[in-house]
Structures are given as structure tokens and as C-alpha cells.
Amino acid sequence: MASIALFITHTAKDGNRDALRTVWMRHMVPAIEANPDHMTYVYSFDTDDPNVVCAFQVYSSAEAAQAFLKHPSYLAYLEESRPLLSNEPQIRILDPQWMKTA
């Protein structure tokens, strides 16, 4: 399987999770929906921590994941979201061994 997955945890400053989601929706949804290399993307709120957002992504390849980091919408998201975060996102790179697709 040539795909690559990412599990990212973002921690918003107290009370800023909804604002972070607003920024994500504005910049990321259109870019992800238009990107055929995003095989799966799940954006979620942590139910145990009111400041945490988790994103699970599967890309068609490591190269596709790297290429998306240069997308104008992603760069705009980074610029606008950084002030809302309490620290740098925690990123785990995963090597998918099996996936169910719709």
C-alpha cells in the first residue's frame, strides 16, 4: 500500500476551538474536497478536552502529502490558525496496512 496517513492533534488556546474550526472550514474544506490525493480526511473534536481538535488524513502517497503543504489554502490556514493554538500541532505519520474504502 503506497498511501500515507497522518494523525494530527491541535490544542487551541482556552475557548478558541470553535474559532479554530471556523478558520479550518473556510480554508481547508474547499482545498481538501478538490484534492483527489486526499483519500480520507476526518476532522474531529476531542470529547474529553474542550480545546483539542484531531485530524486523521490518508493521502495517496507521501509525495502528495508533501505537495499539499504548499497549497495556498493550507498556507493561509496556517497563518490564520497559529494565533489560536496553545502549542505546535502534534503530528504522527502512519503507514497504513489495511483500509476499508466506501
PDB file of N, CA and C in Angstrom:
ATOM      1  N   MET A   1       0.851  -1.178   0.000  1.00  0.00           N
ATOM      2  CA  MET A   1       0.000   0.000   0.000  1.00  0.00           C
ATOM      3  C   MET A   1       0.892   1.234   0.000  1.00  0.00           C
ATOM      4  N   ALA A   2       0.764   2.093  -0.988  1.00  0.00           N
ATOM      5  CA  ALA A   2       1.632   3.257  -1.142  1.00  0.00           C
ATOM      6  C   ALA A   2       1.137   4.477  -0.377  1.00  0.00           C
ATOM      7  N   SER A   3      -0.044   4.408   0.201  1.00  0.00           N
ATOM      8  CA  SER A   3      -0.608   5.573   0.879  1.00  0.00           C
ATOM      9  C   SER A   3       0.135   5.886   2.170  1.00  0.00           C
ATOM     10  N   ILE A   4      -0.133   7.094   2.672  1.00  0.00           N
ATOM     11  CA  ILE A   4       0.432   7.528   3.950  1.00  0.00           C
ATOM     12  C   ILE A   4      -0.702   8.177   4.747  1.00  0.00           C
ATOM     13  N   ALA A   5      -0.686   7.996   6.058  1.00  0.00           N
ATOM     14  CA  ALA A   5      -1.717   8.577   6.917  1.00  0.00           C
ATOM     15  C   ALA A   5      -1.064   9.489   7.946  1.00  0.00           C
ATOM     16  N   LEU A   6      -1.822  10.483   8.354  1.00  0.00           N
ATOM     17  CA  LEU A   6      -1.376  11.404   9.391  1.00  0.00           C
ATOM     18  C   LEU A   6      -2.448  11.485  10.464  1.00  0.00           C
ATOM     19  N   PHE A   7      -2.022  11.509  11.723  1.00  0.00           N
ATOM     20  CA  PHE A   7      -2.928  11.780  12.833  1.00  0.00           C
ATOM     21  C   PHE A   7      -2.375  13.016  13.515  1.00  0.00           C
ATOM     22  N   ILE A   8      -3.154  14.091  13.484  1.00  0.00           N
ATOM     23  CA  ILE A   8      -2.682  15.380  13.981  1.00  0.00           C
ATOM     24  C   ILE A   8      -3.579  15.837  15.127  1.00  0.00           C
ATOM     25  N   THR A   9      -2.946  16.279  16.203  1.00  0.00           N
ATOM     26  CA  THR A   9      -3.659  16.811  17.350  1.00  0.00           C
ATOM     27  C   THR A   9      -3.314  18.292  17.493  1.00  0.00           C
ATOM     28  N   HIS A  10      -4.351  19.120  17.479  1.00  0.00           N
ATOM     29  CA  HIS A  10      -4.203  20.563  17.660  1.00  0.00           C
ATOM     30  C   HIS A  10      -4.803  20.915  19.021  1.00  0.00           C
ATOM     31  N   THR A  11      -4.120  21.756  19.782  1.00  0.00           N
ATOM     32  CA  THR A  11      -4.673  22.240  21.036  1.00  0.00           C
ATOM     33  C   THR A  11      -4.864  23.741  20.925  1.00  0.00           C
ATOM     34  N   ALA A  12      -6.117  24.147  20.960  1.00  0.00           N
ATOM     35  CA  ALA A  12      -6.454  25.571  20.879  1.00  0.00           C
ATOM     36  C   ALA A  12      -6.244  26.221  22.240  1.00  0.00           C
ATOM     37  N   LYS A  13      -5.970  27.499  22.210  1.00  0.00           N
ATOM     38  CA  LYS A  13      -5.968  28.260  23.457  1.00  0.00           C
ATOM     39  C   LYS A  13      -7.374  28.177  24.039  1.00  0.00           C
ATOM     40  N   ASP A  14      -7.474  28.278  25.372  1.00  0.00           N
ATOM     41  CA  ASP A  14      -8.777  28.156  26.038  1.00  0.00           C
ATOM     42  C   ASP A  14      -9.844  28.980  25.333  1.00  0.00           C
ATOM     43  N   GLY A  15     -10.940  28.301  25.004  1.00  0.00           N
ATOM     44  CA  GLY A  15     -12.083  28.969  24.408  1.00  0.00           C
ATOM     45  C   GLY A  15     -11.972  29.273  22.925  1.00  0.00           C
ATOM     46  N   ASN A  16     -10.911  28.814  22.257  1.00  0.00           N
ATOM     47  CA  ASN A  16     -10.700  29.150  20.845  1.00  0.00           C
ATOM     48  C   ASN A  16     -10.948  27.997  19.876  1.00  0.00           C
ATOM     49  N   ARG A  17     -11.446  26.866  20.368  1.00  0.00           N
ATOM     50  CA  ARG A  17     -11.633  25.725  19.474  1.00  0.00           C
ATOM     51  C   ARG A  17     -12.646  26.023  18.377  1.00  0.00           C
ATOM     52  N   ASP A  18     -13.746  26.668  18.695  1.00  0.00           N
ATOM     53  CA  ASP A  18     -14.741  26.990  17.670  1.00  0.00           C
ATOM     54  C   ASP A  18     -14.178  27.963  16.637  1.00  0.00           C
ATOM     55  N   ALA A  19     -13.376  28.912  17.078  1.00  0.00           N
ATOM     56  CA  ALA A  19     -12.742  29.844  16.145  1.00  0.00           C
ATOM     57  C   ALA A  19     -11.763  29.106  15.235  1.00  0.00           C
ATOM     58  N   LEU A  20     -11.043  28.139  15.794  1.00  0.00           N
ATOM     59  CA  LEU A  20     -10.122  27.320  15.000  1.00  0.00           C
ATOM     60  C   LEU A  20     -10.888  26.531  13.941  1.00  0.00           C
ATOM     61  N   ARG A  21     -12.029  25.989  14.323  1.00  0.00           N
ATOM     62  CA  ARG A  21     -12.863  25.248  13.376  1.00  0.00           C
ATOM     63  C   ARG A  21     -13.345  26.169  12.251  1.00  0.00           C
ATOM     64  N   THR A  22     -13.725  27.372  12.578  1.00  0.00           N
ATOM     65  CA  THR A  22     -14.179  28.331  11.570  1.00  0.00           C
ATOM     66  C   THR A  22     -13.081  28.600  10.539  1.00  0.00           C
ATOM     67  N   VAL A  23     -11.870  28.783  11.012  1.00  0.00           N
ATOM     68  CA  VAL A  23     -10.725  29.009  10.115  1.00  0.00           C
ATOM     69  C   VAL A  23     -10.496  27.768   9.254  1.00  0.00           C
ATOM     70  N   TRP A  24     -10.563  26.592   9.875  1.00  0.00           N
ATOM     71  CA  TRP A  24     -10.354  25.333   9.136  1.00  0.00           C
ATOM     72  C   TRP A  24     -11.415  25.176   8.048  1.00  0.00           C
ATOM     73  N   MET A  25     -12.665  25.407   8.393  1.00  0.00           N
ATOM     74  CA  MET A  25     -13.755  25.258   7.422  1.00  0.00           C
ATOM     75  C   MET A  25     -13.565  26.208   6.230  1.00  0.00           C
ATOM     76  N   ARG A  26     -13.154  27.419   6.496  1.00  0.00           N
ATOM     77  CA  ARG A  26     -13.008  28.421   5.441  1.00  0.00           C
ATOM     78  C   ARG A  26     -11.885  28.056   4.462  1.00  0.00           C
ATOM     79  N   HIS A  27     -10.749  27.636   4.993  1.00  0.00           N
ATOM     80  CA  HIS A  27      -9.590  27.392   4.135  1.00  0.00           C
ATOM     81  C   HIS A  27      -9.430  25.941   3.696  1.00  0.00           C
ATOM     82  N   MET A  28      -9.668  25.025   4.600  1.00  0.00           N
ATOM     83  CA  MET A  28      -9.301  23.637   4.331  1.00  0.00           C
ATOM     84  C   MET A  28     -10.366  22.837   3.600  1.00  0.00           C
ATOM     85  N   VAL A  29     -11.633  23.027   3.921  1.00  0.00           N
ATOM     86  CA  VAL A  29     -12.680  22.220   3.282  1.00  0.00           C
ATOM     87  C   VAL A  29     -12.623  22.325   1.760  1.00  0.00           C
ATOM     88  N   PRO A  30     -12.596  23.523   1.186  1.00  0.00           N
ATOM     89  CA  PRO A  30     -12.539  23.581  -0.278  1.00  0.00           C
ATOM     90  C   PRO A  30     -11.283  22.921  -0.852  1.00  0.00           C
ATOM     91  N   ALA A  31     -10.153  23.113  -0.192  1.00  0.00           N
ATOM     92  CA  ALA A  31      -8.900  22.543  -0.690  1.00  0.00           C
ATOM     93  C   ALA A  31      -8.906  21.019  -0.609  1.00  0.00           C
ATOM     94  N   ILE A  32      -9.415  20.480   0.481  1.00  0.00           N
ATOM     95  CA  ILE A  32      -9.454  19.026   0.652  1.00  0.00           C
ATOM     96  C   ILE A  32     -10.449  18.398  -0.316  1.00  0.00           C
ATOM     97  N   GLU A  33     -11.630  19.015  -0.435  1.00  0.00           N
ATOM     98  CA  GLU A  33     -12.638  18.465  -1.347  1.00  0.00           C
ATOM     99  C   GLU A  33     -12.151  18.452  -2.793  1.00  0.00           C
ATOM    100  N   ALA A  34     -11.307  19.400  -3.170  1.00  0.00           N
ATOM    101  CA  ALA A  34     -10.803  19.478  -4.539  1.00  0.00           C
ATOM    102  C   ALA A  34      -9.547  18.630  -4.772  1.00  0.00           C
ATOM    103  N   ASN A  35      -9.019  18.058  -3.711  1.00  0.00           N
ATOM    104  CA  ASN A  35      -7.754  17.326  -3.814  1.00  0.00           C
ATOM    105  C   ASN A  35      -8.002  15.821  -3.972  1.00  0.00           C
ATOM    106  N   PRO A  36      -7.781  15.254  -5.155  1.00  0.00           N
ATOM    107  CA  PRO A  36      -8.008  13.825  -5.349  1.00  0.00           C
ATOM    108  C   PRO A  36      -7.024  12.948  -4.563  1.00  0.00           C
ATOM    109  N   ASP A  37      -5.929  13.537  -4.086  1.00  0.00           N
ATOM    110  CA  ASP A  37      -4.951  12.764  -3.317  1.00  0.00           C
ATOM    111  C   ASP A  37      -5.321  12.595  -1.849  1.00  0.00           C
ATOM    112  N   HIS A  38      -6.353  13.312  -1.377  1.00  0.00           N
ATOM    113  CA  HIS A  38      -6.888  13.074  -0.036  1.00  0.00           C
ATOM    114  C   HIS A  38      -7.877  11.922  -0.162  1.00  0.00           C
ATOM    115  N   MET A  39      -7.479  10.752   0.264  1.00  0.00           N
ATOM    116  CA  MET A  39      -8.341   9.580   0.178  1.00  0.00           C
ATOM    117  C   MET A  39      -9.351   9.568   1.318  1.00  0.00           C
ATOM    118  N   THR A  40      -8.926  10.064   2.472  1.00  0.00           N
ATOM    119  CA  THR A  40      -9.778  10.147   3.661  1.00  0.00           C
ATOM    120  C   THR A  40      -9.345  11.361   4.463  1.00  0.00           C
ATOM    121  N   TYR A  41     -10.313  12.050   5.047  1.00  0.00           N
ATOM    122  CA  TYR A  41      -9.998  13.158   5.956  1.00  0.00           C
ATOM    123  C   TYR A  41     -11.117  13.228   6.973  1.00  0.00           C
ATOM    124  N   VAL A  42     -10.755  13.143   8.244  1.00  0.00           N
ATOM    125  CA  VAL A  42     -11.736  13.230   9.326  1.00  0.00           C
ATOM    126  C   VAL A  42     -11.263  14.319  10.288  1.00  0.00           C
ATOM    127  N   TYR A  43     -12.079  15.340  10.452  1.00  0.00           N
ATOM    128  CA  TYR A  43     -11.801  16.452  11.354  1.00  0.00           C
ATOM    129  C   TYR A  43     -12.722  16.288  12.549  1.00  0.00           C
ATOM    130  N   SER A  44     -12.166  16.210  13.753  1.00  0.00           N
ATOM    131  CA  SER A  44     -12.966  15.852  14.930  1.00  0.00           C
ATOM    132  C   SER A  44     -12.607  16.683  16.151  1.00  0.00           C
ATOM    133  N   PHE A  45     -13.602  16.917  16.984  1.00  0.00           N
ATOM    134  CA  PHE A  45     -13.382  17.494  18.304  1.00  0.00           C
ATOM    135  C   PHE A  45     -13.173  16.353  19.302  1.00  0.00           C
ATOM    136  N   ASP A  46     -12.219  16.535  20.200  1.00  0.00           N
ATOM    137  CA  ASP A  46     -11.993  15.591  21.279  1.00  0.00           C
ATOM    138  C   ASP A  46     -13.131  15.763  22.290  1.00  0.00           C
ATOM    139  N   THR A  47     -13.805  14.690  22.641  1.00  0.00           N
ATOM    140  CA  THR A  47     -14.930  14.796  23.575  1.00  0.00           C
ATOM    141  C   THR A  47     -14.480  14.938  25.026  1.00  0.00           C
ATOM    142  N   ASP A  48     -13.207  14.661  25.315  1.00  0.00           N
ATOM    143  CA  ASP A  48     -12.704  14.761  26.688  1.00  0.00           C
ATOM    144  C   ASP A  48     -11.984  16.066  26.989  1.00  0.00           C
ATOM    145  N   ASP A  49     -11.613  16.807  25.958  1.00  0.00           N
ATOM    146  CA  ASP A  49     -10.874  18.054  26.159  1.00  0.00           C
ATOM    147  C   ASP A  49     -11.483  19.135  25.262  1.00  0.00           C
ATOM    148  N   PRO A  50     -12.056  20.178  25.846  1.00  0.00           N
ATOM    149  CA  PRO A  50     -12.753  21.198  25.061  1.00  0.00           C
ATOM    150  C   PRO A  50     -11.845  22.070  24.196  1.00  0.00           C
ATOM    151  N   ASN A  51     -10.537  21.851  24.263  1.00  0.00           N
ATOM    152  CA  ASN A  51      -9.605  22.638  23.461  1.00  0.00           C
ATOM    153  C   ASN A  51      -8.926  21.836  22.356  1.00  0.00           C
ATOM    154  N   VAL A  52      -9.188  20.541  22.271  1.00  0.00           N
ATOM    155  CA  VAL A  52      -8.445  19.680  21.347  1.00  0.00           C
ATOM    156  C   VAL A  52      -9.248  19.340  20.104  1.00  0.00           C
ATOM    157  N   VAL A  53      -8.543  19.428  18.967  1.00  0.00           N
ATOM    158  CA  VAL A  53      -9.053  19.028  17.663  1.00  0.00           C
ATOM    159  C   VAL A  53      -8.106  17.962  17.120  1.00  0.00           C
ATOM    160  N   CYS A  54      -8.677  16.897  16.550  1.00  0.00           N
ATOM    161  CA  CYS A  54      -7.874  15.849  15.938  1.00  0.00           C
ATOM    162  C   CYS A  54      -8.243  15.732  14.468  1.00  0.00           C
ATOM    163  N   ALA A  55      -7.254  15.486  13.648  1.00  0.00           N
ATOM    164  CA  ALA A  55      -7.486  15.272  12.223  1.00  0.00           C
ATOM    165  C   ALA A  55      -6.782  13.982  11.810  1.00  0.00           C
ATOM    166  N   PHE A  56      -7.515  13.133  11.103  1.00  0.00           N
ATOM    167  CA  PHE A  56      -6.959  11.907  10.546  1.00  0.00           C
ATOM    168  C   PHE A  56      -7.039  12.028   9.037  1.00  0.00           C
ATOM    169  N   GLN A  57      -5.908  11.885   8.381  1.00  0.00           N
ATOM    170  CA  GLN A  57      -5.835  12.066   6.941  1.00  0.00           C
ATOM    171  C   GLN A  57      -5.161  10.861   6.294  1.00  0.00           C
ATOM    172  N   VAL A  58      -5.640  10.469   5.141  1.00  0.00           N
ATOM    173  CA  VAL A  58      -4.957   9.465   4.335  1.00  0.00           C
ATOM    174  C   VAL A  58      -4.737  10.080   2.962  1.00  0.00           C
ATOM    175  N   TYR A  59      -3.489  10.093   2.551  1.00  0.00           N
ATOM    176  CA  TYR A  59      -3.098  10.586   1.234  1.00  0.00           C
ATOM    177  C   TYR A  59      -2.737   9.405   0.339  1.00  0.00           C
ATOM    178  N   SER A  60      -2.811   9.634  -0.949  1.00  0.00           N
ATOM    179  CA  SER A  60      -2.469   8.581  -1.910  1.00  0.00           C
ATOM    180  C   SER A  60      -0.986   8.227  -1.879  1.00  0.00           C
ATOM    181  N   SER A  61      -0.149   9.175  -1.442  1.00  0.00           N
ATOM    182  CA  SER A  61       1.295   8.927  -1.383  1.00  0.00           C
ATOM    183  C   SER A  61       1.955   9.946  -0.456  1.00  0.00           C
ATOM    184  N   ALA A  62       3.174   9.662  -0.060  1.00  0.00           N
ATOM    185  CA  ALA A  62       3.938  10.609   0.754  1.00  0.00           C
ATOM    186  C   ALA A  62       4.208  11.885  -0.034  1.00  0.00           C
ATOM    187  N   GLU A  63       4.426  11.751  -1.333  1.00  0.00           N
ATOM    188  CA  GLU A  63       4.672  12.913  -2.182  1.00  0.00           C
ATOM    189  C   GLU A  63       3.442  13.824  -2.228  1.00  0.00           C
ATOM    190  N   ALA A  64       2.264  13.221  -2.289  1.00  0.00           N
ATOM    191  CA  ALA A  64       1.025  14.004  -2.296  1.00  0.00           C
ATOM    192  C   ALA A  64       0.856  14.759  -0.977  1.00  0.00           C
ATOM    193  N   ALA A  65       1.206  14.116   0.125  1.00  0.00           N
ATOM    194  CA  ALA A  65       1.118  14.771   1.429  1.00  0.00           C
ATOM    195  C   ALA A  65       2.064  15.963   1.483  1.00  0.00           C
ATOM    196  N   GLN A  66       3.269  15.792   0.997  1.00  0.00           N
ATOM    197  CA  GLN A  66       4.246  16.884   0.982  1.00  0.00           C
ATOM    198  C   GLN A  66       3.793  18.018   0.062  1.00  0.00           C
ATOM    199  N   ALA A  67       3.230  17.672  -1.081  1.00  0.00           N
ATOM    200  CA  ALA A  67       2.774  18.684  -2.034  1.00  0.00           C
ATOM    201  C   ALA A  67       1.660  19.536  -1.433  1.00  0.00           C
ATOM    202  N   PHE A  68       0.774  18.926  -0.646  1.00  0.00           N
ATOM    203  CA  PHE A  68      -0.336  19.683  -0.067  1.00  0.00           C
ATOM    204  C   PHE A  68       0.153  20.754   0.902  1.00  0.00           C
ATOM    205  N   LEU A  69       1.305  20.552   1.495  1.00  0.00           N
ATOM    206  CA  LEU A  69       1.861  21.534   2.431  1.00  0.00           C
ATOM    207  C   LEU A  69       2.166  22.868   1.750  1.00  0.00           C
ATOM    208  N   LYS A  70       2.216  22.882   0.420  1.00  0.00           N
ATOM    209  CA  LYS A  70       2.488  24.106  -0.329  1.00  0.00           C
ATOM    210  C   LYS A  70       1.220  24.730  -0.911  1.00  0.00           C
ATOM    211  N   HIS A  71       0.077  24.103  -0.674  1.00  0.00           N
ATOM    212  CA  HIS A  71      -1.186  24.592  -1.230  1.00  0.00           C
ATOM    213  C   HIS A  71      -1.512  25.958  -0.614  1.00  0.00           C
ATOM    214  N   PRO A  72      -1.924  26.934  -1.412  1.00  0.00           N
ATOM    215  CA  PRO A  72      -2.226  28.273  -0.883  1.00  0.00           C
ATOM    216  C   PRO A  72      -3.259  28.271   0.255  1.00  0.00           C
ATOM    217  N   SER A  73      -4.260  27.412   0.171  1.00  0.00           N
ATOM    218  CA  SER A  73      -5.264  27.353   1.238  1.00  0.00           C
ATOM    219  C   SER A  73      -4.666  26.841   2.537  1.00  0.00           C
ATOM    220  N   TYR A  74      -3.772  25.871   2.438  1.00  0.00           N
ATOM    221  CA  TYR A  74      -3.112  25.348   3.644  1.00  0.00           C
ATOM    222  C   TYR A  74      -2.237  26.437   4.260  1.00  0.00           C
ATOM    223  N   LEU A  75      -1.501  27.159   3.441  1.00  0.00           N
ATOM    224  CA  LEU A  75      -0.638  28.224   3.953  1.00  0.00           C
ATOM    225  C   LEU A  75      -1.460  29.334   4.608  1.00  0.00           C
ATOM    226  N   ALA A  76      -2.600  29.654   4.024  1.00  0.00           N
ATOM    227  CA  ALA A  76      -3.492  30.663   4.625  1.00  0.00           C
ATOM    228  C   ALA A  76      -4.046  30.158   5.952  1.00  0.00           C
ATOM    229  N   TYR A  77      -4.413  28.869   5.999  1.00  0.00           N
ATOM    230  CA  TYR A  77      -4.901  28.272   7.246  1.00  0.00           C
ATOM    231  C   TYR A  77      -3.835  28.373   8.340  1.00  0.00           C
ATOM    232  N   LEU A  78      -2.603  28.030   7.996  1.00  0.00           N
ATOM    233  CA  LEU A  78      -1.522  28.097   8.983  1.00  0.00           C
ATOM    234  C   LEU A  78      -1.388  29.506   9.549  1.00  0.00           C
ATOM    235  N   GLU A  79      -1.362  30.487   8.677  1.00  0.00           N
ATOM    236  CA  GLU A  79      -1.184  31.870   9.117  1.00  0.00           C
ATOM    237  C   GLU A  79      -2.310  32.319  10.044  1.00  0.00           C
ATOM    238  N   GLU A  80      -3.526  31.971   9.686  1.00  0.00           N
ATOM    239  CA  GLU A  80      -4.674  32.427  10.476  1.00  0.00           C
ATOM    240  C   GLU A  80      -4.901  31.595  11.741  1.00  0.00           C
ATOM    241  N   SER A  81      -4.490  30.345  11.726  1.00  0.00           N
ATOM    242  CA  SER A  81      -4.758  29.478  12.880  1.00  0.00           C
ATOM    243  C   SER A  81      -3.694  29.551  13.972  1.00  0.00           C
ATOM    244  N   ARG A  82      -2.478  29.865  13.623  1.00  0.00           N
ATOM    245  CA  ARG A  82      -1.388  29.863  14.620  1.00  0.00           C
ATOM    246  C   ARG A  82      -1.702  30.671  15.878  1.00  0.00           C
ATOM    247  N   PRO A  83      -2.267  31.878  15.765  1.00  0.00           N
ATOM    248  CA  PRO A  83      -2.558  32.636  16.993  1.00  0.00           C
ATOM    249  C   PRO A  83      -3.615  31.984  17.888  1.00  0.00           C
ATOM    250  N   LEU A  84      -4.382  31.049  17.346  1.00  0.00           N
ATOM    251  CA  LEU A  84      -5.432  30.387  18.118  1.00  0.00           C
ATOM    252  C   LEU A  84      -4.938  29.156  18.866  1.00  0.00           C
ATOM    253  N   LEU A  85      -3.713  28.710  18.556  1.00  0.00           N
ATOM    254  CA  LEU A  85      -3.176  27.474  19.135  1.00  0.00           C
ATOM    255  C   LEU A  85      -2.321  27.749  20.362  1.00  0.00           C
ATOM    256  N   SER A  86      -2.379  26.824  21.314  1.00  0.00           N
ATOM    257  CA  SER A  86      -1.558  26.974  22.516  1.00  0.00           C
ATOM    258  C   SER A  86      -0.160  26.393  22.325  1.00  0.00           C
ATOM    259  N   ASN A  87       0.018  25.546  21.306  1.00  0.00           N
ATOM    260  CA  ASN A  87       1.333  24.978  21.003  1.00  0.00           C
ATOM    261  C   ASN A  87       1.324  24.445  19.570  1.00  0.00           C
ATOM    262  N   GLU A  88       2.445  23.964  19.132  1.00  0.00           N
ATOM    263  CA  GLU A  88       2.547  23.388  17.799  1.00  0.00           C
ATOM    264  C   GLU A  88       1.722  22.101  17.726  1.00  0.00           C
ATOM    265  N   PRO A  89       1.098  21.830  16.591  1.00  0.00           N
ATOM    266  CA  PRO A  89       0.359  20.575  16.440  1.00  0.00           C
ATOM    267  C   PRO A  89       1.277  19.364  16.619  1.00  0.00           C
ATOM    268  N   GLN A  90       0.719  18.328  17.177  1.00  0.00           N
ATOM    269  CA  GLN A  90       1.434  17.058  17.317  1.00  0.00           C
ATOM    270  C   GLN A  90       1.078  16.199  16.108  1.00  0.00           C
ATOM    271  N   ILE A  91       2.079  15.771  15.358  1.00  0.00           N
ATOM    272  CA  ILE A  91       1.847  15.031  14.118  1.00  0.00           C
ATOM    273  C   ILE A  91       2.451  13.643  14.219  1.00  0.00           C
ATOM    274  N   ARG A  92       1.610  12.648  13.935  1.00  0.00           N
ATOM    275  CA  ARG A  92       2.078  11.265  13.860  1.00  0.00           C
ATOM    276  C   ARG A  92       1.910  10.810  12.421  1.00  0.00           C
ATOM    277  N   ILE A  93       2.980  10.268  11.856  1.00  0.00           N
ATOM    278  CA  ILE A  93       2.940   9.743  10.494  1.00  0.00           C
ATOM    279  C   ILE A  93       2.738   8.242  10.587  1.00  0.00           C
ATOM    280  N   LEU A  94       1.741   7.764   9.857  1.00  0.00           N
ATOM    281  CA  LEU A  94       1.353   6.358   9.929  1.00  0.00           C
ATOM    282  C   LEU A  94       1.526   5.683   8.575  1.00  0.00           C
ATOM    283  N   ASP A  95       1.828   4.405   8.621  1.00  0.00           N
ATOM    284  CA  ASP A  95       1.969   3.577   7.426  1.00  0.00           C
ATOM    285  C   ASP A  95       0.768   2.632   7.357  1.00  0.00           C
ATOM    286  N   PRO A  96      -0.285   3.012   6.627  1.00  0.00           N
ATOM    287  CA  PRO A  96      -1.487   2.171   6.590  1.00  0.00           C
ATOM    288  C   PRO A  96      -1.184   0.764   6.078  1.00  0.00           C
ATOM    289  N   GLN A  97      -1.730  -0.199   6.784  1.00  0.00           N
ATOM    290  CA  GLN A  97      -1.550  -1.591   6.401  1.00  0.00           C
ATOM    291  C   GLN A  97      -2.818  -2.188   5.801  1.00  0.00           C
ATOM    292  N   TRP A  98      -3.947  -1.565   6.124  1.00  0.00           N
ATOM    293  CA  TRP A  98      -5.242  -2.008   5.587  1.00  0.00           C
ATOM    294  C   TRP A  98      -6.237  -0.879   5.767  1.00  0.00           C
ATOM    295  N   MET A  99      -7.103  -0.677   4.782  1.00  0.00           N
ATOM    296  CA  MET A  99      -8.155   0.334   4.886  1.00  0.00           C
ATOM    297  C   MET A  99      -9.423  -0.199   4.234  1.00  0.00           C
ATOM    298  N   LYS A 100     -10.535   0.169   4.793  1.00  0.00           N
ATOM    299  CA  LYS A 100     -11.819  -0.073   4.144  1.00  0.00           C
ATOM    300  C   LYS A 100     -12.203   1.229   3.444  1.00  0.00           C
ATOM    301  N   THR A 101     -12.525   1.154   2.200  1.00  0.00           N
ATOM    302  CA  THR A 101     -12.974   2.330   1.475  1.00  0.00           C
ATOM    303  C   THR A 101     -14.422   2.131   1.047  1.00  0.00           C
ATOM    304  N   ALA A 102     -15.125   3.248   0.904  1.00  0.00           N
ATOM    305  CA  ALA A 102     -16.541   3.175   0.543  1.00  0.00           C
ATOM    306  C   ALA A 102     -16.715   2.759  -0.906  1.00  0.00           C
TER     307      ALA A 102
END
